[in-house]
Amino acid sequence: MKGRSFRMMLLALATVFMVAGCGGDNSDKVSNPDGAVAFAIHEQSDGVPGKLLNDVKAKSEGAGWQFVNEIAGGNANLQLDQVNKMVDDKAAAIVVIAQNGDSIVPAVKRANEAGIPVIATNRDINGGVFTNVVNNERQAGELQADYMAAHLPQNAKVVYIKGDMTISAAVNRYEGFKEAIKAKRPDVEIIASNSTGDWSEAQGIRELSLWLGMYPQIDGVAAANDYMAMGAIKAMKAAGRFNESVIVCGVDSIDDALASIAAGELKMTVKQDANKIVETIMGLLQQIKQGQSPEKGDVLVPMIAITKDNLSQYK
């Protein structure tokens, strides 16, 4: 009997250690579908991130769900604390626009262990288990290349202004453009691109001012966002090198970019379909509220090319 009791005790201890060793990852279970929808955003924004927050908030509250949100103000450590509190408060789901894709990972893993689904959007998260609702950023570059391929002269020379290359959106936009223009128009040469950018109009002015002094021929400018594209146009105007034959393309469809297209300066921009992203997020939240765990991995939302031909649909 003593031997049998000892063996049973060992079996019980082994079971405890096996359960502890599993890490408590309940990412396939929704622990509290009746909890609040929580939204953590990296900073205050009037652009696409701000629209995502405001629209998800309005639609969640319209559905009768409790909604809470936190704004990190560009502080990655603060956002980590904010998301950890959302986990402690047993949110139904956490939507994250990350300030820093690495710093936020411990909070995402805590949410996984607590059975709280995480939905990432707009910016990268580099670990943990989550559903990633994002625009097809590579397609943005491909659409710019499509337009340029159809309108550039033979043997054209173009430059590309990159965004922050630590963010996958910037990398994918550039790679999409570079590969598509090469495939569609092998005669077109990308004569210059910067190592990384800060998404600002000032960045566009700086890069084009430098390149205009180096290259006597620039037929086209592709930029990773509209602000840098608009800066490029300003620099070319200041240098007396801008005319209607120069093709400048941006991304984001900001109001100034749409006005520039109407004026015949910017030739095209690529719209991040924020409405579709919100619609997709709300569909996932509806699943979660019904106790269903959403599928993990990337959910890609198509982008839209805007030119003078279809501008009236988006102004």
Foldseek 3Di string as FASTA:
>chain_A
DVVVVVVVVVVVVVVVVVVVVVLLQQLQFQQCLLFAEEEEEAADDPALVNVLVVLLVVVCVVVVGHYYYDYNHLDQVSSLVVLLVCVVRRHLEYEYAHSDQDSNAVSLQSCRSSNHAYEYEDWHHDDHWHEYEYAQLLVQLLVLLVVCLVQPDFLAEAEEEFAAVVTVSRVSNVVSNVVNNCVSHVSYHHPYYDPHHHQALVSLLVVLLVVVVVDVGHQEYEYAAVRSLVSVLVNCVVVVNADLRRETEHEDPDVVLLVCLVVSGHFKYKHGPSVVSSVVVVVQSVCSSVGGNDDTDYDYDYIHMDGPVCSVVPD
